Amino acid sequence: MRHFRDWKASVDVAQLDGDGLKDYGKLCGWTLAKAHARGGDRRAMAAHIDDPRRFAQGVLEQAIQHADLAEHDHGLLVAAAAGVIQ
């Protein structure tokens, strides 16, 4: 881990094993979620959402699309690692 003057650090993810990479991903997700939660005006967001059920459905659909894309990308990675893709 390298430390910088601004108290930020970086991690060489190539050095992480599966568990370390999983933990690093969780930490990155938590950090991003916390930053987004602090950055907004909850009343303005609630007014913008309008219909909570429609908003939840939209979030669900977007999450499914991202999961499908991640699954597809993972398949390509596995195939490339197995030497199937040149």
PDB file of N, CA and C in Angstrom:
ATOM      1  N   MET A   1       0.850  -1.171   0.000  1.00  0.00           N
ATOM      2  CA  MET A   1       0.000   0.000   0.000  1.00  0.00           C
ATOM      3  C   MET A   1       0.893   1.230   0.000  1.00  0.00           C
ATOM      4  N   ARG A   2       0.608   2.166  -0.893  1.00  0.00           N
ATOM      5  CA  ARG A   2       1.353   3.418  -0.963  1.00  0.00           C
ATOM      6  C   ARG A   2       0.548   4.530  -0.326  1.00  0.00           C
ATOM      7  N   HIS A   3       1.190   5.321   0.492  1.00  0.00           N
ATOM      8  CA  HIS A   3       0.502   6.443   1.136  1.00  0.00           C
ATOM      9  C   HIS A   3       0.939   7.735   0.461  1.00  0.00           C
ATOM     10  N   PHE A   4       0.028   8.656   0.324  1.00  0.00           N
ATOM     11  CA  PHE A   4       0.301   9.938  -0.293  1.00  0.00           C
ATOM     12  C   PHE A   4       0.140  11.048   0.733  1.00  0.00           C
ATOM     13  N   ARG A   5       0.588  12.245   0.376  1.00  0.00           N
ATOM     14  CA  ARG A   5       0.523  13.378   1.295  1.00  0.00           C
ATOM     15  C   ARG A   5      -0.900  13.735   1.709  1.00  0.00           C
ATOM     16  N   ASP A   6      -1.886  13.455   0.874  1.00  0.00           N
ATOM     17  CA  ASP A   6      -3.261  13.833   1.196  1.00  0.00           C
ATOM     18  C   ASP A   6      -3.985  12.751   2.006  1.00  0.00           C
ATOM     19  N   TRP A   7      -3.263  11.794   2.536  1.00  0.00           N
ATOM     20  CA  TRP A   7      -3.777  10.721   3.389  1.00  0.00           C
ATOM     21  C   TRP A   7      -4.583   9.680   2.617  1.00  0.00           C
ATOM     22  N   LYS A   8      -4.517   9.743   1.303  1.00  0.00           N
ATOM     23  CA  LYS A   8      -5.159   8.725   0.499  1.00  0.00           C
ATOM     24  C   LYS A   8      -4.139   7.624   0.250  1.00  0.00           C
ATOM     25  N   ALA A   9      -4.621   6.455  -0.035  1.00  0.00           N
ATOM     26  CA  ALA A   9      -3.727   5.333  -0.280  1.00  0.00           C
ATOM     27  C   ALA A   9      -4.200   4.597  -1.528  1.00  0.00           C
ATOM     28  N   SER A  10      -3.334   3.779  -2.073  1.00  0.00           N
ATOM     29  CA  SER A  10      -3.733   2.958  -3.210  1.00  0.00           C
ATOM     30  C   SER A  10      -3.350   1.513  -2.909  1.00  0.00           C
ATOM     31  N   VAL A  11      -4.028   0.613  -3.582  1.00  0.00           N
ATOM     32  CA  VAL A  11      -3.784  -0.811  -3.394  1.00  0.00           C
ATOM     33  C   VAL A  11      -3.432  -1.405  -4.744  1.00  0.00           C
ATOM     34  N   ASP A  12      -2.393  -2.223  -4.799  1.00  0.00           N
ATOM     35  CA  ASP A  12      -2.049  -2.945  -6.018  1.00  0.00           C
ATOM     36  C   ASP A  12      -2.942  -4.178  -6.054  1.00  0.00           C
ATOM     37  N   VAL A  13      -4.066  -4.076  -6.770  1.00  0.00           N
ATOM     38  CA  VAL A  13      -5.047  -5.162  -6.765  1.00  0.00           C
ATOM     39  C   VAL A  13      -4.496  -6.441  -7.371  1.00  0.00           C
ATOM     40  N   ALA A  14      -3.456  -6.345  -8.169  1.00  0.00           N
ATOM     41  CA  ALA A  14      -2.841  -7.548  -8.748  1.00  0.00           C
ATOM     42  C   ALA A  14      -2.227  -8.428  -7.655  1.00  0.00           C
ATOM     43  N   GLN A  15      -1.973  -7.847  -6.499  1.00  0.00           N
ATOM     44  CA  GLN A  15      -1.369  -8.593  -5.396  1.00  0.00           C
ATOM     45  C   GLN A  15      -2.401  -9.233  -4.470  1.00  0.00           C
ATOM     46  N   LEU A  16      -3.687  -8.964  -4.697  1.00  0.00           N
ATOM     47  CA  LEU A  16      -4.739  -9.475  -3.818  1.00  0.00           C
ATOM     48  C   LEU A  16      -5.182 -10.867  -4.264  1.00  0.00           C
ATOM     49  N   ASP A  17      -5.488 -11.714  -3.289  1.00  0.00           N
ATOM     50  CA  ASP A  17      -6.093 -13.004  -3.607  1.00  0.00           C
ATOM     51  C   ASP A  17      -7.605 -12.802  -3.740  1.00  0.00           C
ATOM     52  N   GLY A  18      -8.347 -13.870  -3.975  1.00  0.00           N
ATOM     53  CA  GLY A  18      -9.785 -13.768  -4.188  1.00  0.00           C
ATOM     54  C   GLY A  18     -10.514 -13.099  -3.035  1.00  0.00           C
ATOM     55  N   ASP A  19     -10.189 -13.495  -1.799  1.00  0.00           N
ATOM     56  CA  ASP A  19     -10.850 -12.896  -0.633  1.00  0.00           C
ATOM     57  C   ASP A  19     -10.485 -11.417  -0.484  1.00  0.00           C
ATOM     58  N   GLY A  20      -9.207 -11.101  -0.721  1.00  0.00           N
ATOM     59  CA  GLY A  20      -8.765  -9.712  -0.625  1.00  0.00           C
ATOM     60  C   GLY A  20      -9.433  -8.837  -1.669  1.00  0.00           C
ATOM     61  N   LEU A  21      -9.573  -9.365  -2.888  1.00  0.00           N
ATOM     62  CA  LEU A  21     -10.224  -8.608  -3.946  1.00  0.00           C
ATOM     63  C   LEU A  21     -11.698  -8.400  -3.633  1.00  0.00           C
ATOM     64  N   LYS A  22     -12.334  -9.420  -3.065  1.00  0.00           N
ATOM     65  CA  LYS A  22     -13.743  -9.302  -2.672  1.00  0.00           C
ATOM     66  C   LYS A  22     -13.903  -8.228  -1.589  1.00  0.00           C
ATOM     67  N   ASP A  23     -13.034  -8.258  -0.589  1.00  0.00           N
ATOM     68  CA  ASP A  23     -13.091  -7.262   0.477  1.00  0.00           C
ATOM     69  C   ASP A  23     -12.824  -5.854  -0.062  1.00  0.00           C
ATOM     70  N   TYR A  24     -11.866  -5.738  -0.981  1.00  0.00           N
ATOM     71  CA  TYR A  24     -11.546  -4.447  -1.576  1.00  0.00           C
ATOM     72  C   TYR A  24     -12.745  -3.911  -2.357  1.00  0.00           C
ATOM     73  N   GLY A  25     -13.412  -4.781  -3.097  1.00  0.00           N
ATOM     74  CA  GLY A  25     -14.603  -4.379  -3.842  1.00  0.00           C
ATOM     75  C   GLY A  25     -15.710  -3.892  -2.925  1.00  0.00           C
ATOM     76  N   LYS A  26     -15.912  -4.598  -1.816  1.00  0.00           N
ATOM     77  CA  LYS A  26     -16.930  -4.175  -0.848  1.00  0.00           C
ATOM     78  C   LYS A  26     -16.591  -2.809  -0.266  1.00  0.00           C
ATOM     79  N   LEU A  27     -15.319  -2.605   0.056  1.00  0.00           N
ATOM     80  CA  LEU A  27     -14.891  -1.325   0.619  1.00  0.00           C
ATOM     81  C   LEU A  27     -15.088  -0.194  -0.390  1.00  0.00           C
ATOM     82  N   CYS A  28     -14.755  -0.446  -1.648  1.00  0.00           N
ATOM     83  CA  CYS A  28     -14.960   0.576  -2.688  1.00  0.00           C
ATOM     84  C   CYS A  28     -16.446   0.896  -2.848  1.00  0.00           C
ATOM     85  N   GLY A  29     -17.283  -0.137  -2.867  1.00  0.00           N
ATOM     86  CA  GLY A  29     -18.728   0.073  -2.989  1.00  0.00           C
ATOM     87  C   GLY A  29     -19.284   0.855  -1.817  1.00  0.00           C
ATOM     88  N   TRP A  30     -18.845   0.515  -0.614  1.00  0.00           N
ATOM     89  CA  TRP A  30     -19.306   1.218   0.587  1.00  0.00           C
ATOM     90  C   TRP A  30     -18.888   2.683   0.533  1.00  0.00           C
ATOM     91  N   THR A  31     -17.645   2.927   0.126  1.00  0.00           N
ATOM     92  CA  THR A  31     -17.138   4.297   0.057  1.00  0.00           C
ATOM     93  C   THR A  31     -17.921   5.116  -0.959  1.00  0.00           C
ATOM     94  N   LEU A  32     -18.182   4.532  -2.117  1.00  0.00           N
ATOM     95  CA  LEU A  32     -18.941   5.226  -3.154  1.00  0.00           C
ATOM     96  C   LEU A  32     -20.374   5.507  -2.702  1.00  0.00           C
ATOM     97  N   ALA A  33     -21.004   4.519  -2.079  1.00  0.00           N
ATOM     98  CA  ALA A  33     -22.377   4.704  -1.589  1.00  0.00           C
ATOM     99  C   ALA A  33     -22.436   5.803  -0.535  1.00  0.00           C
ATOM    100  N   LYS A  34     -21.464   5.816   0.358  1.00  0.00           N
ATOM    101  CA  LYS A  34     -21.449   6.833   1.412  1.00  0.00           C
ATOM    102  C   LYS A  34     -21.242   8.231   0.808  1.00  0.00           C
ATOM    103  N   ALA A  35     -20.370   8.325  -0.178  1.00  0.00           N
ATOM    104  CA  ALA A  35     -20.137   9.622  -0.824  1.00  0.00           C
ATOM    105  C   ALA A  35     -21.403  10.108  -1.522  1.00  0.00           C
ATOM    106  N   HIS A  36     -22.102   9.210  -2.201  1.00  0.00           N
ATOM    107  CA  HIS A  36     -23.342   9.610  -2.871  1.00  0.00           C
ATOM    108  C   HIS A  36     -24.420  10.001  -1.857  1.00  0.00           C
ATOM    109  N   ALA A  37     -24.484   9.278  -0.759  1.00  0.00           N
ATOM    110  CA  ALA A  37     -25.496   9.579   0.255  1.00  0.00           C
ATOM    111  C   ALA A  37     -25.269  10.949   0.882  1.00  0.00           C
ATOM    112  N   ARG A  38     -24.032  11.346   1.014  1.00  0.00           N
ATOM    113  CA  ARG A  38     -23.729  12.638   1.619  1.00  0.00           C
ATOM    114  C   ARG A  38     -23.901  13.791   0.645  1.00  0.00           C
ATOM    115  N   GLY A  39     -23.873  13.495  -0.635  1.00  0.00           N
ATOM    116  CA  GLY A  39     -23.839  14.545  -1.637  1.00  0.00           C
ATOM    117  C   GLY A  39     -25.190  15.086  -2.045  1.00  0.00           C
ATOM    118  N   GLY A  40     -26.279  14.498  -1.568  1.00  0.00           N
ATOM    119  CA  GLY A  40     -27.568  14.905  -2.093  1.00  0.00           C
ATOM    120  C   GLY A  40     -28.487  15.542  -1.075  1.00  0.00           C
ATOM    121  N   ASP A  41     -29.436  16.243  -1.601  1.00  0.00           N
ATOM    122  CA  ASP A  41     -30.497  16.831  -0.798  1.00  0.00           C
ATOM    123  C   ASP A  41     -31.649  15.832  -0.804  1.00  0.00           C
ATOM    124  N   ARG A  42     -31.875  15.143   0.285  1.00  0.00           N
ATOM    125  CA  ARG A  42     -32.862  14.057   0.302  1.00  0.00           C
ATOM    126  C   ARG A  42     -34.273  14.532  -0.022  1.00  0.00           C
ATOM    127  N   ARG A  43     -34.614  15.744   0.378  1.00  0.00           N
ATOM    128  CA  ARG A  43     -35.953  16.248   0.055  1.00  0.00           C
ATOM    129  C   ARG A  43     -36.105  16.490  -1.448  1.00  0.00           C
ATOM    130  N   ALA A  44     -35.073  17.050  -2.062  1.00  0.00           N
ATOM    131  CA  ALA A  44     -35.115  17.285  -3.507  1.00  0.00           C
ATOM    132  C   ALA A  44     -35.158  15.958  -4.254  1.00  0.00           C
ATOM    133  N   MET A  45     -34.386  14.973  -3.779  1.00  0.00           N
ATOM    134  CA  MET A  45     -34.402  13.664  -4.426  1.00  0.00           C
ATOM    135  C   MET A  45     -35.776  13.016  -4.285  1.00  0.00           C
ATOM    136  N   ALA A  46     -36.360  13.101  -3.103  1.00  0.00           N
ATOM    137  CA  ALA A  46     -37.684  12.499  -2.880  1.00  0.00           C
ATOM    138  C   ALA A  46     -38.723  13.156  -3.777  1.00  0.00           C
ATOM    139  N   ALA A  47     -38.643  14.470  -3.948  1.00  0.00           N
ATOM    140  CA  ALA A  47     -39.587  15.171  -4.814  1.00  0.00           C
ATOM    141  C   ALA A  47     -39.373  14.776  -6.275  1.00  0.00           C
ATOM    142  N   HIS A  48     -38.125  14.525  -6.620  1.00  0.00           N
ATOM    143  CA  HIS A  48     -37.791  14.160  -7.996  1.00  0.00           C
ATOM    144  C   HIS A  48     -38.236  12.730  -8.314  1.00  0.00           C
ATOM    145  N   ILE A  49     -38.228  11.873  -7.320  1.00  0.00           N
ATOM    146  CA  ILE A  49     -38.609  10.465  -7.516  1.00  0.00           C
ATOM    147  C   ILE A  49     -40.078  10.364  -7.894  1.00  0.00           C
ATOM    148  N   ASP A  50     -40.924  11.159  -7.293  1.00  0.00           N
ATOM    149  CA  ASP A  50     -42.355  11.209  -7.586  1.00  0.00           C
ATOM    150  C   ASP A  50     -43.068   9.933  -7.147  1.00  0.00           C
ATOM    151  N   ASP A  51     -42.919   8.853  -7.885  1.00  0.00           N
ATOM    152  CA  ASP A  51     -43.601   7.596  -7.580  1.00  0.00           C
ATOM    153  C   ASP A  51     -42.577   6.575  -7.079  1.00  0.00           C
ATOM    154  N   PRO A  52     -42.527   6.317  -5.762  1.00  0.00           N
ATOM    155  CA  PRO A  52     -41.509   5.416  -5.211  1.00  0.00           C
ATOM    156  C   PRO A  52     -41.516   4.013  -5.839  1.00  0.00           C
ATOM    157  N   ARG A  53     -42.679   3.493  -6.173  1.00  0.00           N
ATOM    158  CA  ARG A  53     -42.729   2.150  -6.773  1.00  0.00           C
ATOM    159  C   ARG A  53     -42.118   2.151  -8.172  1.00  0.00           C
ATOM    160  N   ARG A  54     -42.430   3.181  -8.942  1.00  0.00           N
ATOM    161  CA  ARG A  54     -41.869   3.275 -10.292  1.00  0.00           C
ATOM    162  C   ARG A  54     -40.351   3.463 -10.214  1.00  0.00           C
ATOM    163  N   PHE A  55     -39.907   4.261  -9.246  1.00  0.00           N
ATOM    164  CA  PHE A  55     -38.472   4.463  -9.054  1.00  0.00           C
ATOM    165  C   PHE A  55     -37.793   3.147  -8.683  1.00  0.00           C
ATOM    166  N   ALA A  56     -38.386   2.415  -7.741  1.00  0.00           N
ATOM    167  CA  ALA A  56     -37.809   1.128  -7.325  1.00  0.00           C
ATOM    168  C   ALA A  56     -37.750   0.157  -8.496  1.00  0.00           C
ATOM    169  N   GLN A  57     -38.790   0.146  -9.328  1.00  0.00           N
ATOM    170  CA  GLN A  57     -38.799  -0.729 -10.501  1.00  0.00           C
ATOM    171  C   GLN A  57     -37.680  -0.338 -11.459  1.00  0.00           C
ATOM    172  N   GLY A  58     -37.473   0.949 -11.644  1.00  0.00           N
ATOM    173  CA  GLY A  58     -36.388   1.422 -12.515  1.00  0.00           C
ATOM    174  C   GLY A  58     -35.021   1.027 -12.000  1.00  0.00           C
ATOM    175  N   VAL A  59     -34.824   1.154 -10.684  1.00  0.00           N
ATOM    176  CA  VAL A  59     -33.554   0.760 -10.079  1.00  0.00           C
ATOM    177  C   VAL A  59     -33.338  -0.744 -10.255  1.00  0.00           C
ATOM    178  N   LEU A  60     -34.398  -1.533 -10.032  1.00  0.00           N
ATOM    179  CA  LEU A  60     -34.310  -2.979 -10.203  1.00  0.00           C
ATOM    180  C   LEU A  60     -33.939  -3.339 -11.641  1.00  0.00           C
ATOM    181  N   GLU A  61     -34.590  -2.716 -12.615  1.00  0.00           N
ATOM    182  CA  GLU A  61     -34.302  -3.012 -14.020  1.00  0.00           C
ATOM    183  C   GLU A  61     -32.860  -2.656 -14.381  1.00  0.00           C
ATOM    184  N   GLN A  62     -32.397  -1.518 -13.863  1.00  0.00           N
ATOM    185  CA  GLN A  62     -31.015  -1.117 -14.136  1.00  0.00           C
ATOM    186  C   GLN A  62     -30.036  -2.087 -13.479  1.00  0.00           C
ATOM    187  N   ALA A  63     -30.331  -2.527 -12.276  1.00  0.00           N
ATOM    188  CA  ALA A  63     -29.461  -3.490 -11.591  1.00  0.00           C
ATOM    189  C   ALA A  63     -29.395  -4.805 -12.356  1.00  0.00           C
ATOM    190  N   ILE A  64     -30.512  -5.252 -12.880  1.00  0.00           N
ATOM    191  CA  ILE A  64     -30.539  -6.496 -13.659  1.00  0.00           C
ATOM    192  C   ILE A  64     -29.710  -6.335 -14.934  1.00  0.00           C
ATOM    193  N   GLN A  65     -29.833  -5.185 -15.594  1.00  0.00           N
ATOM    194  CA  GLN A  65     -29.033  -4.943 -16.798  1.00  0.00           C
ATOM    195  C   GLN A  65     -27.538  -4.972 -16.478  1.00  0.00           C
ATOM    196  N   HIS A  66     -27.152  -4.343 -15.368  1.00  0.00           N
ATOM    197  CA  HIS A  66     -25.741  -4.335 -14.981  1.00  0.00           C
ATOM    198  C   HIS A  66     -25.272  -5.741 -14.612  1.00  0.00           C
ATOM    199  N   ALA A  67     -26.119  -6.512 -13.934  1.00  0.00           N
ATOM    200  CA  ALA A  67     -25.753  -7.883 -13.577  1.00  0.00           C
ATOM    201  C   ALA A  67     -25.576  -8.735 -14.824  1.00  0.00           C
ATOM    202  N   ASP A  68     -26.469  -8.576 -15.794  1.00  0.00           N
ATOM    203  CA  ASP A  68     -26.345  -9.320 -17.051  1.00  0.00           C
ATOM    204  C   ASP A  68     -25.050  -8.955 -17.772  1.00  0.00           C
ATOM    205  N   LEU A  69     -24.729  -7.678 -17.808  1.00  0.00           N
ATOM    206  CA  LEU A  69     -23.495  -7.235 -18.455  1.00  0.00           C
ATOM    207  C   LEU A  69     -22.271  -7.789 -17.729  1.00  0.00           C
ATOM    208  N   ALA A  70     -22.294  -7.751 -16.397  1.00  0.00           N
ATOM    209  CA  ALA A  70     -21.172  -8.284 -15.621  1.00  0.00           C
ATOM    210  C   ALA A  70     -21.013  -9.785 -15.869  1.00  0.00           C
ATOM    211  N   GLU A  71     -22.113 -10.498 -15.948  1.00  0.00           N
ATOM    212  CA  GLU A  71     -22.070 -11.938 -16.215  1.00  0.00           C
ATOM    213  C   GLU A  71     -21.485 -12.205 -17.606  1.00  0.00           C
ATOM    214  N   HIS A  72     -21.906 -11.428 -18.595  1.00  0.00           N
ATOM    215  CA  HIS A  72     -21.386 -11.567 -19.953  1.00  0.00           C
ATOM    216  C   HIS A  72     -19.875 -11.286 -19.977  1.00  0.00           C
ATOM    217  N   ASP A  73     -19.469 -10.176 -19.344  1.00  0.00           N
ATOM    218  CA  ASP A  73     -18.053  -9.812 -19.300  1.00  0.00           C
ATOM    219  C   ASP A  73     -17.233 -10.881 -18.590  1.00  0.00           C
ATOM    220  N   HIS A  74     -17.775 -11.447 -17.532  1.00  0.00           N
ATOM    221  CA  HIS A  74     -17.067 -12.501 -16.808  1.00  0.00           C
ATOM    222  C   HIS A  74     -16.878 -13.724 -17.699  1.00  0.00           C
ATOM    223  N   GLY A  75     -17.906 -14.066 -18.471  1.00  0.00           N
ATOM    224  CA  GLY A  75     -17.787 -15.182 -19.414  1.00  0.00           C
ATOM    225  C   GLY A  75     -16.676 -14.953 -20.426  1.00  0.00           C
ATOM    226  N   LEU A  76     -16.577 -13.728 -20.931  1.00  0.00           N
ATOM    227  CA  LEU A  76     -15.489 -13.397 -21.861  1.00  0.00           C
ATOM    228  C   LEU A  76     -14.127 -13.511 -21.190  1.00  0.00           C
ATOM    229  N   LEU A  77     -14.036 -13.065 -19.948  1.00  0.00           N
ATOM    230  CA  LEU A  77     -12.783 -13.153 -19.207  1.00  0.00           C
ATOM    231  C   LEU A  77     -12.369 -14.604 -18.992  1.00  0.00           C
ATOM    232  N   VAL A  78     -13.318 -15.444 -18.587  1.00  0.00           N
ATOM    233  CA  VAL A  78     -13.030 -16.860 -18.362  1.00  0.00           C
ATOM    234  C   VAL A  78     -12.593 -17.515 -19.662  1.00  0.00           C
ATOM    235  N   ALA A  79     -13.289 -17.194 -20.756  1.00  0.00           N
ATOM    236  CA  ALA A  79     -12.930 -17.759 -22.057  1.00  0.00           C
ATOM    237  C   ALA A  79     -11.536 -17.311 -22.483  1.00  0.00           C
ATOM    238  N   ALA A  80     -11.221 -16.041 -22.270  1.00  0.00           N
ATOM    239  CA  ALA A  80      -9.907 -15.535 -22.633  1.00  0.00           C
ATOM    240  C   ALA A  80      -8.814 -16.196 -21.786  1.00  0.00           C
ATOM    241  N   ALA A  81      -9.093 -16.386 -20.510  1.00  0.00           N
ATOM    242  CA  ALA A  81      -8.111 -17.022 -19.626  1.00  0.00           C
ATOM    243  C   ALA A  81      -7.895 -18.479 -20.008  1.00  0.00           C
ATOM    244  N   ALA A  82      -8.918 -19.121 -20.545  1.00  0.00           N
ATOM    245  CA  ALA A  82      -8.805 -20.517 -20.961  1.00  0.00           C
ATOM    246  C   ALA A  82      -8.176 -20.629 -22.350  1.00  0.00           C
ATOM    247  N   GLY A  83      -7.898 -19.507 -22.996  1.00  0.00           N
ATOM    248  CA  GLY A  83      -7.281 -19.526 -24.311  1.00  0.00           C
ATOM    249  C   GLY A  83      -8.261 -19.707 -25.447  1.00  0.00           C
ATOM    250  N   VAL A  84      -9.548 -19.602 -25.166  1.00  0.00           N
ATOM    251  CA  VAL A  84     -10.571 -19.761 -26.201  1.00  0.00           C
ATOM    252  C   VAL A  84     -10.584 -18.562 -27.136  1.00  0.00           C
ATOM    253  N   ILE A  85     -10.394 -17.378 -26.580  1.00  0.00           N
ATOM    254  CA  ILE A  85     -10.397 -16.150 -27.374  1.00  0.00           C
ATOM    255  C   ILE A  85      -8.953 -15.747 -27.609  1.00  0.00           C
ATOM    256  N   GLN A  86      -8.622 -15.488 -28.822  1.00  0.00           N
ATOM    257  CA  GLN A  86      -7.239 -15.085 -29.180  1.00  0.00           C
ATOM    258  C   GLN A  86      -7.139 -13.586 -29.297  1.00  0.00           C
TER     259      GLN A  86
END
